N, C-alpha and C. Protein backbone atom coordinates (compact mmCIF):
# COMPACT_ATOMS: atom_id res chain seq x y z
N MET A 1 40.78 9.75 123.87
CA MET A 1 41.59 10.98 123.81
C MET A 1 42.70 10.74 124.82
N HIS A 2 43.91 11.24 124.33
CA HIS A 2 45.18 11.14 125.13
C HIS A 2 44.90 12.28 126.14
N GLU A 3 45.73 11.93 127.50
CA GLU A 3 45.81 12.90 128.34
C GLU A 3 46.76 14.14 127.99
N PRO A 4 46.65 15.26 127.88
CA PRO A 4 47.30 16.36 127.44
C PRO A 4 48.49 16.87 128.09
N LEU A 5 48.96 15.98 128.93
CA LEU A 5 50.21 16.26 130.00
C LEU A 5 51.29 15.76 129.62
N TYR A 6 52.10 16.41 128.81
CA TYR A 6 53.30 15.72 128.32
C TYR A 6 54.45 15.71 129.31
N GLY A 7 55.52 14.87 129.21
CA GLY A 7 56.69 14.64 130.16
C GLY A 7 57.17 16.01 130.89
N ARG A 8 58.08 16.79 130.34
CA ARG A 8 58.74 17.75 131.03
C ARG A 8 57.74 19.03 131.06
N HIS A 9 57.78 19.83 132.08
CA HIS A 9 57.09 21.00 132.23
C HIS A 9 57.85 22.09 131.83
N ASN A 10 57.51 22.91 130.90
CA ASN A 10 58.45 24.09 130.35
C ASN A 10 58.38 25.21 131.70
N GLN A 11 59.53 25.24 132.17
CA GLN A 11 59.82 26.07 133.42
C GLN A 11 59.42 27.60 133.06
N GLY A 12 59.37 28.05 131.84
CA GLY A 12 59.02 29.31 131.63
C GLY A 12 57.46 29.57 131.57
N MET A 13 56.69 28.53 131.68
CA MET A 13 55.40 28.73 131.73
C MET A 13 54.66 28.34 133.02
N SER A 14 53.62 29.01 133.56
CA SER A 14 52.83 28.55 134.70
C SER A 14 52.19 27.18 134.44
N SER A 15 51.84 26.49 135.48
CA SER A 15 51.34 25.22 135.25
C SER A 15 50.04 25.22 134.52
N LEU A 16 49.09 26.33 134.75
CA LEU A 16 47.96 26.34 133.77
C LEU A 16 48.24 26.72 132.40
N ARG A 17 49.29 27.62 132.11
CA ARG A 17 49.68 27.84 130.80
C ARG A 17 50.19 26.62 130.09
N HIS A 18 50.75 25.81 130.91
CA HIS A 18 51.54 24.61 130.23
C HIS A 18 50.44 23.52 129.91
N GLU A 19 49.26 23.52 130.75
CA GLU A 19 48.41 22.58 130.51
C GLU A 19 47.38 23.08 129.32
N ILE A 20 47.32 24.47 129.29
CA ILE A 20 46.45 24.81 128.24
C ILE A 20 47.25 24.60 126.92
N ALA A 21 48.53 24.69 126.93
CA ALA A 21 49.37 24.69 125.63
C ALA A 21 49.19 23.09 125.23
N CYS A 22 49.31 22.29 126.12
CA CYS A 22 49.22 20.79 125.68
C CYS A 22 47.68 20.30 125.19
N SER A 23 46.83 20.89 125.92
CA SER A 23 45.42 20.66 125.47
C SER A 23 44.92 21.02 124.30
N ALA A 24 45.49 22.28 123.97
CA ALA A 24 45.28 23.08 122.97
C ALA A 24 46.17 22.31 121.60
N ALA A 25 47.10 21.83 121.81
CA ALA A 25 48.02 21.15 120.84
C ALA A 25 47.04 19.68 120.62
N GLN A 26 46.42 19.24 121.50
CA GLN A 26 45.73 17.82 121.19
C GLN A 26 44.62 18.37 120.20
N LEU A 27 43.81 19.38 120.61
CA LEU A 27 42.76 19.87 119.84
C LEU A 27 43.21 20.21 118.12
N ILE A 28 44.50 20.92 118.19
CA ILE A 28 44.97 21.11 116.89
C ILE A 28 45.14 20.00 116.09
N ALA A 29 46.01 19.15 116.69
CA ALA A 29 46.58 17.84 116.05
C ALA A 29 45.35 16.90 115.72
N GLU A 30 44.36 16.66 116.42
CA GLU A 30 43.26 15.62 116.55
C GLU A 30 42.02 16.11 115.89
N GLU A 31 41.67 17.32 115.98
CA GLU A 31 40.48 17.82 115.63
C GLU A 31 40.46 18.97 114.53
N GLY A 32 41.71 19.45 114.34
CA GLY A 32 41.78 20.36 113.36
C GLY A 32 41.33 21.94 113.71
N PHE A 33 41.51 22.21 114.99
CA PHE A 33 41.09 23.57 115.47
C PHE A 33 42.29 24.57 115.14
N ASP A 34 41.94 25.79 114.97
CA ASP A 34 42.96 26.70 114.68
C ASP A 34 43.48 27.31 116.08
N TYR A 35 44.73 27.94 116.04
CA TYR A 35 45.34 28.19 117.41
C TYR A 35 44.59 28.92 118.38
N GLN A 36 43.81 29.96 117.79
CA GLN A 36 43.08 30.77 118.91
C GLN A 36 41.81 29.92 119.45
N SER A 37 41.29 29.31 118.63
CA SER A 37 40.10 28.48 119.06
C SER A 37 40.43 27.46 119.93
N ALA A 38 41.67 26.96 119.72
CA ALA A 38 42.17 25.76 120.54
C ALA A 38 42.53 26.36 121.98
N LYS A 39 43.20 27.44 121.90
CA LYS A 39 43.45 28.06 123.28
C LYS A 39 42.22 28.29 124.16
N ARG A 40 41.24 28.97 123.53
CA ARG A 40 40.15 29.21 124.29
C ARG A 40 39.41 27.97 124.67
N LYS A 41 39.17 26.91 123.75
CA LYS A 41 38.60 25.72 124.12
C LYS A 41 39.45 25.08 125.27
N ALA A 42 40.83 24.92 125.22
CA ALA A 42 41.58 24.22 126.26
C ALA A 42 41.31 25.06 127.54
N TYR A 43 41.27 26.19 127.48
CA TYR A 43 40.99 27.13 128.72
C TYR A 43 39.77 26.88 129.45
N GLU A 44 38.60 26.71 128.63
CA GLU A 44 37.28 26.41 128.99
C GLU A 44 37.22 25.09 129.71
N ARG A 45 38.06 24.13 128.92
CA ARG A 45 38.10 22.62 129.41
C ARG A 45 38.74 22.51 130.56
N LEU A 46 39.76 23.21 130.89
CA LEU A 46 40.72 23.06 132.04
C LEU A 46 40.14 23.96 133.49
N THR A 47 39.58 24.96 133.08
CA THR A 47 38.97 25.78 134.13
C THR A 47 37.47 25.82 134.32
N GLY A 48 36.61 25.19 133.44
CA GLY A 48 35.33 25.16 133.66
C GLY A 48 34.52 26.48 133.25
N GLY A 49 35.30 27.35 132.44
CA GLY A 49 34.92 28.56 132.05
C GLY A 49 34.06 28.50 130.79
N LEU A 50 33.09 29.51 130.87
CA LEU A 50 32.13 29.47 129.77
C LEU A 50 32.33 30.52 128.63
N GLY A 51 33.77 30.87 128.46
CA GLY A 51 33.86 31.71 127.48
C GLY A 51 33.92 33.19 127.86
N GLY A 52 33.90 33.37 129.11
CA GLY A 52 34.04 34.87 129.74
C GLY A 52 35.48 35.43 129.37
N ARG A 53 35.79 36.40 130.13
CA ARG A 53 36.97 37.21 129.98
C ARG A 53 38.12 36.34 130.52
N ILE A 54 39.19 36.18 129.60
CA ILE A 54 40.30 35.34 129.90
C ILE A 54 41.53 36.23 130.03
N ALA A 55 42.30 36.35 131.24
CA ALA A 55 43.46 36.77 131.42
C ALA A 55 44.65 36.53 130.35
N ALA A 56 45.13 37.56 129.74
CA ALA A 56 46.34 37.13 128.75
C ALA A 56 47.37 36.58 129.36
N GLY A 57 47.69 36.58 130.45
CA GLY A 57 48.82 35.84 131.06
C GLY A 57 48.47 34.59 131.32
N ASP A 58 47.32 33.93 131.14
CA ASP A 58 46.82 32.61 131.43
C ASP A 58 47.06 31.82 130.08
N LEU A 59 47.20 32.56 128.86
CA LEU A 59 47.15 31.74 127.66
C LEU A 59 48.59 31.65 127.05
N PRO A 60 49.00 30.66 126.71
CA PRO A 60 50.39 30.52 125.95
C PRO A 60 50.35 31.09 124.68
N SER A 61 51.55 31.58 124.38
CA SER A 61 51.87 32.27 123.09
C SER A 61 51.74 31.24 121.98
N ASN A 62 51.64 31.77 120.60
CA ASN A 62 51.64 30.89 119.54
C ASN A 62 52.91 30.01 119.51
N GLN A 63 54.10 30.56 119.80
CA GLN A 63 55.29 29.90 119.78
C GLN A 63 55.18 28.62 120.73
N GLU A 64 54.49 29.10 121.79
CA GLU A 64 54.60 27.87 123.05
C GLU A 64 53.58 26.73 122.53
N ILE A 65 52.49 27.27 121.77
CA ILE A 65 51.59 26.30 121.13
C ILE A 65 52.30 25.40 120.07
N GLU A 66 53.09 26.03 119.25
CA GLU A 66 53.77 25.30 118.11
C GLU A 66 54.69 24.12 118.79
N GLU A 67 55.44 24.59 119.88
CA GLU A 67 56.32 23.62 120.40
C GLU A 67 55.45 22.43 121.27
N ALA A 68 54.26 22.72 121.76
CA ALA A 68 53.48 21.79 122.23
C ALA A 68 52.75 20.95 121.12
N VAL A 69 52.57 21.24 119.92
CA VAL A 69 52.14 20.60 118.84
C VAL A 69 53.20 19.68 118.39
N ARG A 70 54.47 20.16 118.33
CA ARG A 70 55.44 19.30 117.86
C ARG A 70 55.67 18.26 118.80
N GLU A 71 55.61 18.51 120.16
CA GLU A 71 55.74 17.61 121.11
C GLU A 71 54.53 16.29 121.11
N HIS A 72 53.41 16.92 120.94
CA HIS A 72 52.19 16.02 120.69
C HIS A 72 52.54 14.97 119.49
N LEU A 73 52.92 15.44 118.23
CA LEU A 73 53.06 14.75 117.18
C LEU A 73 54.05 13.82 117.38
N ALA A 74 55.06 14.14 118.01
CA ALA A 74 56.40 13.13 118.12
C ALA A 74 56.02 12.17 119.27
N ILE A 75 54.93 12.33 120.03
CA ILE A 75 54.48 11.23 120.82
C ILE A 75 53.49 10.35 120.33
N TYR A 76 52.47 10.92 119.68
CA TYR A 76 51.21 10.28 119.42
C TYR A 76 51.08 10.13 117.86
N ALA A 77 51.66 10.73 116.96
CA ALA A 77 51.34 10.45 115.62
C ALA A 77 51.78 9.09 115.11
N GLY A 78 50.91 8.52 114.47
CA GLY A 78 50.96 7.03 113.93
C GLY A 78 51.56 7.16 112.66
N ASP A 79 51.77 5.75 112.04
CA ASP A 79 52.42 5.50 110.71
C ASP A 79 51.73 6.22 109.72
N GLU A 80 50.25 6.21 109.76
CA GLU A 80 49.49 6.75 108.77
C GLU A 80 49.71 8.29 108.59
N GLN A 81 49.85 8.92 109.84
CA GLN A 81 49.92 10.43 110.00
C GLN A 81 51.34 10.88 109.35
N ARG A 82 52.42 9.94 109.76
CA ARG A 82 53.64 10.20 109.29
C ARG A 82 53.75 9.93 107.60
N ALA A 83 53.19 9.16 107.06
CA ALA A 83 52.95 8.85 105.76
C ALA A 83 52.36 10.00 104.97
N HIS A 84 51.34 10.65 105.67
CA HIS A 84 50.70 11.68 105.05
C HIS A 84 51.53 12.92 105.17
N TYR A 85 52.39 13.09 105.95
CA TYR A 85 53.33 14.07 106.14
C TYR A 85 54.23 14.13 105.16
N LYS A 86 54.86 13.00 104.97
CA LYS A 86 55.90 12.72 103.78
C LYS A 86 55.24 13.04 102.52
N ALA A 87 54.03 12.55 102.27
CA ALA A 87 53.25 12.80 101.08
C ALA A 87 53.24 14.23 100.76
N MET A 88 52.87 15.00 101.86
CA MET A 88 52.60 16.45 101.75
C MET A 88 54.01 17.13 101.32
N LEU A 89 55.07 16.58 102.07
CA LEU A 89 56.44 17.28 101.66
C LEU A 89 56.70 16.97 100.25
N LYS A 90 56.53 15.89 99.59
CA LYS A 90 56.88 15.36 98.31
C LYS A 90 55.99 16.16 97.50
N ALA A 91 54.80 16.37 97.58
CA ALA A 91 53.85 17.17 96.86
C ALA A 91 54.36 18.44 96.78
N ALA A 92 54.76 19.25 97.99
CA ALA A 92 55.18 20.46 98.09
C ALA A 92 56.32 20.72 97.12
N LEU A 93 57.22 19.80 97.34
CA LEU A 93 58.41 19.91 96.46
C LEU A 93 58.28 19.91 94.90
N GLN A 94 57.29 19.13 94.54
CA GLN A 94 56.99 18.97 93.07
C GLN A 94 56.37 20.32 92.65
N LEU A 95 55.42 20.71 93.46
CA LEU A 95 54.88 22.09 93.05
C LEU A 95 55.76 23.35 93.07
N MET A 96 56.82 23.19 94.00
CA MET A 96 57.77 24.27 94.06
C MET A 96 58.62 24.19 92.93
N HIS A 97 59.05 23.10 92.42
CA HIS A 97 59.59 23.03 91.10
C HIS A 97 58.90 23.56 89.81
N ARG A 98 57.65 23.27 89.94
CA ARG A 98 56.66 24.02 88.92
C ARG A 98 56.68 25.21 88.87
N LEU A 99 56.87 25.85 90.15
CA LEU A 99 56.53 27.47 90.18
C LEU A 99 57.87 27.92 90.48
N ARG A 100 59.11 27.27 90.24
CA ARG A 100 60.33 27.95 90.57
C ARG A 100 60.68 29.37 90.14
N THR A 101 60.08 29.68 88.87
CA THR A 101 60.26 31.01 88.69
C THR A 101 59.74 32.13 89.32
N PHE A 102 58.78 31.76 90.03
CA PHE A 102 58.35 32.59 91.27
C PHE A 102 58.93 32.49 92.69
N GLN A 103 60.14 31.89 92.58
CA GLN A 103 60.90 31.73 93.71
C GLN A 103 60.08 31.43 95.05
N PRO A 104 59.65 30.21 94.93
CA PRO A 104 58.55 29.76 96.00
C PRO A 104 59.32 29.41 97.36
N VAL A 105 58.70 29.64 98.21
CA VAL A 105 59.13 29.11 99.83
C VAL A 105 57.90 28.38 100.37
N LEU A 106 58.14 27.25 100.92
CA LEU A 106 57.24 26.66 101.80
C LEU A 106 57.20 27.29 103.14
N MET A 107 55.74 27.44 103.62
CA MET A 107 55.56 28.40 104.88
C MET A 107 54.61 27.61 105.61
N GLY A 108 54.39 28.05 106.81
CA GLY A 108 53.20 27.31 107.64
C GLY A 108 53.71 26.30 108.38
N ALA A 109 52.55 25.48 108.84
CA ALA A 109 52.86 24.30 109.51
C ALA A 109 53.77 23.14 108.91
N LEU A 110 53.85 23.23 107.54
CA LEU A 110 54.81 22.11 106.99
C LEU A 110 56.16 22.47 107.04
N ALA A 111 56.31 23.70 106.99
CA ALA A 111 57.67 24.27 107.21
C ALA A 111 58.26 24.31 108.76
N ASN A 112 57.43 24.45 109.56
CA ASN A 112 57.80 24.53 111.03
C ASN A 112 57.58 23.46 111.80
N GLY A 113 57.14 22.34 111.03
CA GLY A 113 57.01 20.85 111.81
C GLY A 113 55.91 20.58 112.57
N THR A 114 54.73 21.45 112.43
CA THR A 114 53.60 21.07 113.12
C THR A 114 52.36 20.90 112.16
N ALA A 115 52.79 20.08 110.97
CA ALA A 115 51.71 19.73 110.09
C ALA A 115 50.97 18.59 110.54
N THR A 116 49.61 18.69 110.45
CA THR A 116 48.68 17.59 110.78
C THR A 116 47.89 17.10 109.78
N ALA A 117 46.95 16.20 109.98
CA ALA A 117 46.18 15.74 108.68
C ALA A 117 45.00 16.72 108.31
N PHE A 118 45.00 17.86 109.01
CA PHE A 118 44.31 18.86 108.61
C PHE A 118 44.96 19.97 107.87
N SER A 119 46.24 19.81 107.84
CA SER A 119 47.00 21.12 107.36
C SER A 119 46.98 21.02 105.71
N ALA A 120 47.18 22.27 105.19
CA ALA A 120 47.26 22.55 103.80
C ALA A 120 48.83 22.86 103.67
N ILE A 121 49.08 22.58 102.23
CA ILE A 121 50.61 23.03 101.75
C ILE A 121 50.46 24.55 101.69
N HIS A 122 51.31 25.22 102.24
CA HIS A 122 51.13 26.66 102.14
C HIS A 122 52.60 27.24 101.52
N LEU A 123 52.31 27.80 100.20
CA LEU A 123 53.57 28.27 99.63
C LEU A 123 53.40 29.77 99.60
N GLY A 124 54.56 30.51 99.57
CA GLY A 124 54.81 31.74 99.40
C GLY A 124 55.45 32.00 98.00
N CYS A 125 54.74 32.81 97.10
CA CYS A 125 55.37 32.96 95.58
C CYS A 125 55.69 34.50 95.47
N ARG A 126 56.78 34.86 94.80
CA ARG A 126 56.99 36.33 94.39
C ARG A 126 56.31 36.47 93.18
N ALA A 127 55.31 37.45 93.17
CA ALA A 127 54.33 37.53 91.89
C ALA A 127 53.87 38.94 92.17
N GLU A 128 53.67 39.67 91.09
CA GLU A 128 52.90 41.04 91.04
C GLU A 128 51.43 40.90 91.51
N SER A 129 50.90 39.88 91.21
CA SER A 129 49.42 39.51 91.43
C SER A 129 49.13 37.98 91.44
N ALA A 130 48.05 37.55 92.01
CA ALA A 130 47.69 36.15 92.06
C ALA A 130 47.32 35.89 90.69
N LYS A 131 46.87 36.83 89.84
CA LYS A 131 46.53 36.55 88.42
C LYS A 131 47.68 35.89 87.47
N GLU A 132 48.72 36.55 87.93
CA GLU A 132 50.15 35.93 87.38
C GLU A 132 50.39 34.49 87.65
N LEU A 133 49.97 33.99 88.72
CA LEU A 133 50.20 32.56 89.03
C LEU A 133 49.06 31.85 88.66
N ALA A 134 47.85 32.43 88.67
CA ALA A 134 46.61 31.70 88.09
C ALA A 134 46.71 31.32 86.74
N ILE A 135 47.21 32.15 85.88
CA ILE A 135 47.25 31.92 84.48
C ILE A 135 48.28 30.74 84.17
N ASP A 136 49.40 30.51 84.98
CA ASP A 136 50.20 29.33 84.81
C ASP A 136 49.38 28.15 85.07
N PHE A 137 48.72 28.05 86.17
CA PHE A 137 47.75 26.85 86.25
C PHE A 137 46.74 26.62 85.35
N LEU A 138 46.05 27.62 85.01
CA LEU A 138 44.81 27.46 84.04
C LEU A 138 45.38 27.17 82.68
N ASN A 139 46.48 27.42 82.16
CA ASN A 139 46.95 27.01 80.89
C ASN A 139 47.25 25.33 80.94
N ASP A 140 47.30 24.85 82.18
CA ASP A 140 47.42 23.31 82.26
C ASP A 140 46.13 22.66 82.59
N GLY A 141 45.11 23.37 82.87
CA GLY A 141 43.80 22.97 83.02
C GLY A 141 43.78 22.79 84.57
N ILE A 142 44.41 23.31 85.35
CA ILE A 142 44.33 23.27 86.91
C ILE A 142 43.53 24.33 87.39
N THR A 143 42.39 23.86 88.15
CA THR A 143 41.33 24.85 88.59
C THR A 143 41.82 25.61 89.81
N VAL A 144 41.83 27.00 90.01
CA VAL A 144 42.15 27.70 91.07
C VAL A 144 41.08 28.64 91.46
N GLU A 145 41.24 29.03 92.76
CA GLU A 145 40.26 29.86 93.20
C GLU A 145 41.01 31.12 93.78
N ALA A 146 40.62 32.48 93.26
CA ALA A 146 41.34 33.49 93.95
C ALA A 146 40.68 33.80 95.50
N THR A 147 41.64 34.23 96.16
CA THR A 147 41.29 34.66 97.59
C THR A 147 42.03 35.79 98.22
N GLU A 148 41.81 36.42 99.25
CA GLU A 148 42.64 37.14 100.05
C GLU A 148 43.08 36.56 101.22
N LEU A 149 44.40 36.57 101.61
CA LEU A 149 44.95 36.01 102.71
C LEU A 149 45.77 37.01 103.67
N ALA A 150 45.75 36.67 104.86
CA ALA A 150 46.46 37.60 105.77
C ALA A 150 47.82 37.76 105.32
N ASN A 151 48.33 39.06 105.35
CA ASN A 151 49.67 39.37 104.77
C ASN A 151 50.72 38.89 105.91
N PRO A 152 51.59 37.94 105.53
CA PRO A 152 52.65 37.22 106.37
C PRO A 152 53.73 38.26 106.86
N LEU A 153 53.74 39.16 106.09
CA LEU A 153 54.88 40.41 106.50
C LEU A 153 54.58 41.50 107.26
N GLY A 154 53.12 41.58 107.48
CA GLY A 154 52.67 42.74 108.09
C GLY A 154 51.19 42.88 108.27
N GLN A 155 50.54 44.03 108.19
CA GLN A 155 49.28 44.05 108.35
C GLN A 155 48.54 43.97 106.98
N GLY A 156 47.29 43.81 107.16
CA GLY A 156 46.43 43.98 105.89
C GLY A 156 46.23 42.67 105.32
N VAL A 157 45.81 42.51 103.98
CA VAL A 157 45.61 41.17 103.33
C VAL A 157 46.51 41.34 102.02
N VAL A 158 46.79 40.17 101.40
CA VAL A 158 47.44 40.02 100.16
C VAL A 158 46.67 39.15 99.22
N GLU A 159 46.91 39.06 97.98
CA GLU A 159 46.21 38.23 97.06
C GLU A 159 46.65 36.75 97.12
N GLY A 160 46.01 35.72 96.91
CA GLY A 160 46.28 34.36 97.02
C GLY A 160 45.45 33.59 96.08
N LEU A 161 45.93 32.31 96.11
CA LEU A 161 45.16 31.05 95.28
C LEU A 161 44.83 30.03 96.41
N VAL A 162 43.89 29.30 96.12
CA VAL A 162 43.52 28.08 96.66
C VAL A 162 43.26 26.96 95.51
N LEU A 163 44.19 25.81 95.59
CA LEU A 163 43.80 24.80 94.87
C LEU A 163 44.15 23.40 95.24
N GLN A 164 44.00 22.36 94.61
CA GLN A 164 44.30 21.00 94.91
C GLN A 164 45.49 20.60 94.09
N TRP A 165 46.42 19.93 94.68
CA TRP A 165 47.63 19.50 93.98
C TRP A 165 48.03 18.12 94.46
N GLN A 166 47.92 17.19 93.61
CA GLN A 166 48.18 15.68 94.05
C GLN A 166 47.27 15.27 95.17
N GLY A 167 46.02 15.70 95.13
CA GLY A 167 45.25 15.37 96.06
C GLY A 167 45.34 16.17 97.55
N GLN A 168 46.30 17.05 97.44
CA GLN A 168 46.55 17.79 98.70
C GLN A 168 46.11 19.26 98.55
N PRO A 169 45.44 19.88 99.60
CA PRO A 169 44.94 21.37 99.62
C PRO A 169 46.23 22.17 99.61
N VAL A 170 46.15 23.14 98.73
CA VAL A 170 47.27 24.07 98.63
C VAL A 170 46.78 25.71 98.73
N VAL A 171 47.57 26.26 99.49
CA VAL A 171 47.23 27.78 99.57
C VAL A 171 48.55 28.47 99.20
N ILE A 172 48.31 29.47 98.32
CA ILE A 172 49.53 30.27 97.84
C ILE A 172 49.38 31.66 98.21
N THR A 173 50.24 32.19 98.66
CA THR A 173 50.39 33.62 99.20
C THR A 173 51.34 34.47 98.12
N THR A 174 50.95 35.51 97.66
CA THR A 174 51.72 36.24 96.78
C THR A 174 52.71 37.26 97.85
N LEU A 175 53.94 37.06 97.39
CA LEU A 175 54.94 37.80 98.04
C LEU A 175 55.60 38.90 97.44
N PRO A 176 56.10 39.89 98.11
CA PRO A 176 57.04 41.09 97.28
C PRO A 176 58.36 40.18 97.09
N ARG A 177 59.06 40.91 96.15
CA ARG A 177 60.38 40.46 95.96
C ARG A 177 61.31 40.67 97.03
N GLY A 178 62.23 39.80 97.16
CA GLY A 178 63.12 40.18 98.25
C GLY A 178 63.06 38.97 99.29
N GLY A 179 63.69 39.07 100.60
CA GLY A 179 63.81 37.99 101.41
C GLY A 179 62.67 38.27 102.51
N LEU A 180 62.64 37.16 103.28
CA LEU A 180 61.55 37.17 104.16
C LEU A 180 62.18 37.30 105.69
N PRO A 181 61.40 37.70 106.61
CA PRO A 181 61.88 38.06 107.91
C PRO A 181 62.65 36.62 108.61
N LYS A 182 63.57 36.83 109.23
CA LYS A 182 64.26 35.47 109.83
C LYS A 182 63.34 34.91 110.86
N ARG A 183 62.34 35.59 111.42
CA ARG A 183 61.30 35.09 112.44
C ARG A 183 60.42 34.06 111.73
N MET A 184 60.24 34.29 110.38
CA MET A 184 59.22 33.36 109.72
C MET A 184 59.94 32.14 109.34
N ALA A 185 59.34 31.08 109.77
CA ALA A 185 59.89 29.68 109.43
C ALA A 185 59.48 29.35 107.91
N SER A 186 60.45 29.20 106.94
CA SER A 186 60.17 28.77 105.63
C SER A 186 61.38 28.11 105.10
N LEU A 187 61.06 27.46 104.07
CA LEU A 187 62.15 26.57 103.21
C LEU A 187 61.86 26.97 101.87
N ASN A 188 63.08 27.27 101.24
CA ASN A 188 63.22 27.39 99.73
C ASN A 188 63.36 26.15 99.17
N LEU A 189 63.43 26.02 97.87
CA LEU A 189 63.30 24.73 97.00
C LEU A 189 64.67 24.12 97.38
N GLN A 190 65.83 24.66 97.49
CA GLN A 190 66.87 23.92 97.78
C GLN A 190 67.10 23.40 99.26
N GLU A 191 66.45 24.17 100.27
CA GLU A 191 66.42 23.84 101.54
C GLU A 191 65.45 22.54 101.80
N LEU A 192 64.30 22.58 101.08
CA LEU A 192 63.33 21.50 101.12
C LEU A 192 63.99 20.28 100.43
N THR A 193 64.40 20.39 99.30
CA THR A 193 65.11 19.29 98.74
C THR A 193 66.25 18.74 99.65
N GLN A 194 67.05 19.42 100.38
CA GLN A 194 67.95 18.87 101.29
C GLN A 194 67.47 18.21 102.43
N GLN A 195 66.37 18.85 102.98
CA GLN A 195 65.49 18.10 104.18
C GLN A 195 65.12 16.78 103.84
N LEU A 196 64.38 16.67 102.38
CA LEU A 196 63.88 15.44 102.17
C LEU A 196 65.11 14.23 101.82
N GLN A 197 66.32 14.74 101.35
CA GLN A 197 67.49 13.90 101.23
C GLN A 197 67.95 13.46 102.53
N ASP A 198 68.09 14.42 103.45
CA ASP A 198 68.56 14.26 104.67
C ASP A 198 67.66 12.97 105.47
N GLY A 199 66.33 13.13 105.14
CA GLY A 199 65.41 12.33 105.95
C GLY A 199 65.07 10.94 105.01
N GLY A 200 65.85 10.87 103.99
CA GLY A 200 65.80 9.69 103.07
C GLY A 200 64.51 9.67 102.39
N LEU A 201 63.74 10.65 101.99
CA LEU A 201 62.54 10.71 101.35
C LEU A 201 62.65 11.33 99.93
N ALA A 202 63.78 11.57 99.49
CA ALA A 202 63.89 12.30 98.22
C ALA A 202 63.88 11.11 97.16
């Protein structure tokens, strides 16, 4: 296991918050933990705690965790992991082309640069219901599973689909028509195409 203490210390975080962020990033990148579980496990690992009450100020924000994951990947990601990342981007691009009538956007870890070997391709598609999307896949013999997902635009849940595409796990969230909040990291078809071209991957 790598020491979870990266180069520069974020001046906006306490030493403990910084160490928790780095340790949590390691758990996310190498063991597939989700953010909340990684924070708690990192806290327990660094303080010897047994899962009792944790002061909110001791835990890094999700944004701080994201930055720590990016740093971890930049330092420790090997050739195999980089190749997997490129394969996921290319598969996402082809799937977005297929779904272009639904104005797809790439969301989640693949869009914000924190994708690991445990990540899925996460798309948002403008559709009245998941059934509308499912019919498109089922007509071509592609098996999909209906599910409910956290609403990325607010509270509650929305309809979604889970499937496999070119050997990659895919999660599709239905979105209402219109734009997405600027705070949400996402890439539309044109932006993803440009990113791949800039990186020499297209």
